[in-house]
C-alpha atoms as a PDB file:
ATOM      1  CA  MET A   1      11.144   1.760 -15.154  1.00  0.00           C
ATOM      2  CA  SER A   2       7.418   2.526 -15.062  1.00  0.00           C
ATOM      3  CA  ILE A   3       4.947  -0.090 -13.838  1.00  0.00           C
ATOM      4  CA  THR A   4       3.493  -0.343 -17.371  1.00  0.00           C
ATOM      5  CA  THR A   5       6.917  -1.008 -18.867  1.00  0.00           C
ATOM      6  CA  LYS A   6       7.644  -3.565 -16.145  1.00  0.00           C
ATOM      7  CA  LYS A   7       4.350  -5.400 -16.766  1.00  0.00           C
ATOM      8  CA  LEU A   8       4.960  -5.316 -20.528  1.00  0.00           C
ATOM      9  CA  GLU A   9       8.426  -6.833 -20.059  1.00  0.00           C
ATOM     10  CA  GLN A  10       6.958  -9.559 -17.824  1.00  0.00           C
ATOM     11  CA  LEU A  11       4.304 -10.316 -20.428  1.00  0.00           C
ATOM     12  CA  LYS A  12       6.898 -10.467 -23.220  1.00  0.00           C
ATOM     13  CA  GLY A  13       8.957 -12.917 -21.162  1.00  0.00           C
ATOM     14  CA  ALA A  14       5.930 -15.071 -20.404  1.00  0.00           C
ATOM     15  CA  VAL A  15       4.890 -15.214 -24.051  1.00  0.00           C
ATOM     16  CA  ALA A  16       8.431 -15.939 -25.184  1.00  0.00           C
ATOM     17  CA  ASN A  17       8.620 -18.874 -22.759  1.00  0.00           C
ATOM     18  CA  ARG A  18       5.019 -20.100 -23.024  1.00  0.00           C
ATOM     19  CA  VAL A  19       2.505 -19.598 -25.794  1.00  0.00           C
ATOM     20  CA  PRO A  20      -0.740 -17.924 -24.618  1.00  0.00           C
ATOM     21  CA  TYR A  21      -3.032 -20.679 -25.916  1.00  0.00           C
ATOM     22  CA  ILE A  22      -3.640 -24.379 -25.555  1.00  0.00           C
ATOM     23  CA  SER A  23      -4.879 -26.982 -27.995  1.00  0.00           C
ATOM     24  CA  GLY A  24      -5.501 -30.662 -27.858  1.00  0.00           C
ATOM     25  CA  VAL A  25      -7.995 -33.474 -27.868  1.00  0.00           C
ATOM     26  CA  VAL A  26     -10.032 -34.734 -24.944  1.00  0.00           C
ATOM     27  CA  PRO A  27     -11.452 -38.234 -25.339  1.00  0.00           C
ATOM     28  CA  LEU A  28     -15.142 -38.443 -24.509  1.00  0.00           C
ATOM     29  CA  PRO A  29     -16.524 -41.280 -22.416  1.00  0.00           C
ATOM     30  CA  PRO A  30     -19.101 -43.417 -24.274  1.00  0.00           C
ATOM     31  CA  GLN A  31     -22.033 -41.903 -22.366  1.00  0.00           C
ATOM     32  CA  SER A  32     -21.087 -38.458 -23.729  1.00  0.00           C
ATOM     33  CA  THR A  33     -21.153 -39.222 -27.443  1.00  0.00           C
ATOM     34  CA  THR A  34     -24.893 -38.987 -28.091  1.00  0.00           C
ATOM     35  CA  LEU A  35     -26.254 -35.986 -29.975  1.00  0.00           C
ATOM     36  CA  PHE A  36     -29.868 -35.165 -29.098  1.00  0.00           C
ATOM     37  CA  PHE A  37     -31.814 -33.109 -31.628  1.00  0.00           C
ATOM     38  CA  GLY A  38     -35.314 -32.035 -32.460  1.00  0.00           C
ATOM     39  CA  ARG A  39     -37.464 -29.563 -34.329  1.00  0.00           C
ATOM     40  CA  GLY A  40     -41.187 -29.064 -34.759  1.00  0.00           C
ATOM     41  CA  GLY A  41     -42.119 -31.721 -32.191  1.00  0.00           C
ATOM     42  CA  THR A  42     -39.973 -34.454 -33.758  1.00  0.00           C
ATOM     43  CA  THR A  43     -36.927 -35.562 -31.805  1.00  0.00           C
ATOM     44  CA  GLY A  44     -34.089 -37.970 -32.321  1.00  0.00           C
ATOM     45  CA  GLN A  45     -30.664 -38.930 -31.136  1.00  0.00           C
ATOM     46  CA  LEU A  46     -27.483 -39.867 -32.927  1.00  0.00           C
ATOM     47  CA  ASP A  47     -24.737 -42.024 -31.455  1.00  0.00           C
ATOM     48  CA  LEU A  48     -21.620 -40.333 -32.821  1.00  0.00           C
ATOM     49  CA  ARG A  49     -19.485 -43.435 -32.170  1.00  0.00           C
ATOM     50  CA  ASN A  50     -21.706 -45.633 -34.313  1.00  0.00           C
ATOM     51  CA  PRO A  51     -24.237 -43.572 -36.300  1.00  0.00           C
ATOM     52  CA  GLU A  52     -27.091 -45.503 -37.855  1.00  0.00           C
ATOM     53  CA  ASP A  53     -28.369 -44.470 -41.267  1.00  0.00           C
ATOM     54  CA  ALA A  54     -31.912 -43.881 -39.960  1.00  0.00           C
ATOM     55  CA  GLN A  55     -30.583 -41.519 -37.257  1.00  0.00           C
ATOM     56  CA  VAL A  56     -28.530 -39.553 -39.783  1.00  0.00           C
ATOM     57  CA  GLN A  57     -31.451 -39.330 -42.220  1.00  0.00           C
ATOM     58  CA  LEU A  58     -33.752 -37.997 -39.462  1.00  0.00           C
ATOM     59  CA  LEU A  59     -31.170 -35.363 -38.536  1.00  0.00           C
ATOM     60  CA  VAL A  60     -30.865 -34.328 -42.186  1.00  0.00           C
ATOM     61  CA  LYS A  61     -34.676 -34.172 -42.491  1.00  0.00           C
ATOM     62  CA  LEU A  62     -34.979 -31.905 -39.434  1.00  0.00           C
ATOM     63  CA  CYS A  63     -32.317 -29.475 -40.623  1.00  0.00           C
ATOM     64  CA  GLU A  64     -33.380 -26.292 -42.393  1.00  0.00           C
ATOM     65  CA  PRO A  65     -31.840 -25.167 -45.690  1.00  0.00           C
ATOM     66  CA  ALA A  66     -28.747 -23.091 -44.969  1.00  0.00           C
ATOM     67  CA  THR A  67     -28.287 -19.771 -46.710  1.00  0.00           C
ATOM     68  CA  PHE A  68     -24.970 -18.160 -47.582  1.00  0.00           C
ATOM     69  CA  GLY A  69     -23.819 -14.595 -47.929  1.00  0.00           C
ATOM     70  CA  ARG A  70     -22.863 -12.979 -51.223  1.00  0.00           C
ATOM     71  CA  ASN A  71     -22.575  -9.234 -51.920  1.00  0.00           C
ATOM     72  CA  GLN A  72     -24.173  -8.312 -48.587  1.00  0.00           C
ATOM     73  CA  GLU A  73     -27.170 -10.584 -49.333  1.00  0.00           C
ATOM     74  CA  ASP A  74     -28.371 -13.764 -47.644  1.00  0.00           C
ATOM     75  CA  LEU A  75     -29.053 -16.245 -50.457  1.00  0.00           C
ATOM     76  CA  LEU A  76     -30.496 -19.731 -50.795  1.00  0.00           C
ATOM     77  CA  ASP A  77     -29.285 -21.384 -53.983  1.00  0.00           C
ATOM     78  CA  GLU A  78     -29.129 -25.173 -53.714  1.00  0.00           C
ATOM     79  CA  THR A  79     -27.583 -25.418 -57.186  1.00  0.00           C
ATOM     80  CA  TYR A  80     -24.554 -23.571 -55.769  1.00  0.00           C
ATOM     81  CA  ARG A  81     -24.502 -24.968 -52.225  1.00  0.00           C
ATOM     82  CA  LYS A  82     -26.821 -27.524 -50.696  1.00  0.00           C
ATOM     83  CA  ALA A  83     -26.392 -27.462 -46.941  1.00  0.00           C
ATOM     84  CA  GLY A  84     -28.553 -27.780 -43.881  1.00  0.00           C
ATOM     85  CA  LYS A  85     -28.471 -26.067 -40.518  1.00  0.00           C
ATOM     86  CA  MET A  86     -29.943 -26.565 -37.104  1.00  0.00           C
ATOM     87  CA  ASP A  87     -30.086 -23.752 -34.586  1.00  0.00           C
ATOM     88  CA  ILE A  88     -28.308 -24.313 -31.288  1.00  0.00           C
ATOM     89  CA  GLU A  89     -31.521 -24.474 -29.263  1.00  0.00           C
ATOM     90  CA  ASN A  90     -32.527 -27.590 -31.234  1.00  0.00           C
ATOM     91  CA  PHE A  91     -29.665 -29.871 -30.261  1.00  0.00           C
ATOM     92  CA  ALA A  92     -27.661 -30.874 -27.191  1.00  0.00           C
ATOM     93  CA  MET A  93     -25.098 -33.347 -25.897  1.00  0.00           C
ATOM     94  CA  ASN A  94     -24.738 -34.763 -22.407  1.00  0.00           C
ATOM     95  CA  ILE A  95     -21.105 -33.853 -21.862  1.00  0.00           C
ATOM     96  CA  ASP A  96     -20.026 -33.416 -18.238  1.00  0.00           C
ATOM     97  CA  PHE A  97     -17.171 -30.936 -18.580  1.00  0.00           C
ATOM     98  CA  GLY A  98     -16.330 -31.309 -14.900  1.00  0.00           C
ATOM     99  CA  GLN A  99     -15.702 -35.027 -15.407  1.00  0.00           C
ATOM    100  CA  LEU A 100     -13.363 -34.271 -18.314  1.00  0.00           C
ATOM    101  CA  HIS A 101     -11.172 -32.002 -16.126  1.00  0.00           C
ATOM    102  CA  ILE A 102     -10.741 -29.531 -18.972  1.00  0.00           C
ATOM    103  CA  SER A 103     -10.420 -26.544 -16.639  1.00  0.00           C
ATOM    104  CA  ASP A 104      -7.568 -28.297 -14.778  1.00  0.00           C
ATOM    105  CA  LYS A 105      -5.731 -28.893 -18.054  1.00  0.00           C
ATOM    106  CA  ILE A 106      -6.237 -25.291 -19.157  1.00  0.00           C
ATOM    107  CA  SER A 107      -5.149 -23.949 -15.778  1.00  0.00           C
ATOM    108  CA  SER A 108      -1.991 -26.031 -15.694  1.00  0.00           C
ATOM    109  CA  GLU A 109      -0.966 -24.819 -19.161  1.00  0.00           C
ATOM    110  CA  LEU A 110      -2.089 -21.183 -19.220  1.00  0.00           C
ATOM    111  CA  LEU A 111      -1.858 -20.031 -15.622  1.00  0.00           C
ATOM    112  CA  VAL A 112       1.191 -19.410 -13.474  1.00  0.00           C
ATOM    113  CA  ASP A 113       0.597 -20.141  -9.785  1.00  0.00           C
ATOM    114  CA  GLY A 114      -3.135 -20.283 -10.470  1.00  0.00           C
ATOM    115  CA  ARG A 115      -3.157 -16.779 -11.965  1.00  0.00           C
ATOM    116  CA  PRO A 116      -2.874 -15.434 -15.523  1.00  0.00           C
ATOM    117  CA  PHE A 117       0.548 -14.279 -16.728  1.00  0.00           C
ATOM    118  CA  ARG A 118       1.931 -11.641 -14.408  1.00  0.00           C
END
């Protein structure tokens, strides 16, 4: 049996016994549920646990009209779709991924002896 065939058989066995993905929900601590946003010198924040109308309205105001693609074109037609967008550099959250231990959960589910499937 060649080394490639052996590795392929090991991979098939690993996938048959364990799916090669993980899903789930990680609860956020209260201090990690604030969305910070801004554009054009105006900034705001939105408490996602208890959003206030004024915060939501400011976020909507700072969003740009979102285009959509049709027939290889980028279109803006608010009679068809009225949506806003904010580029990633204009918002942030203060989530401490280390505190959430996400990498530990992923490692325990997807790795065997601390290494990918072998």
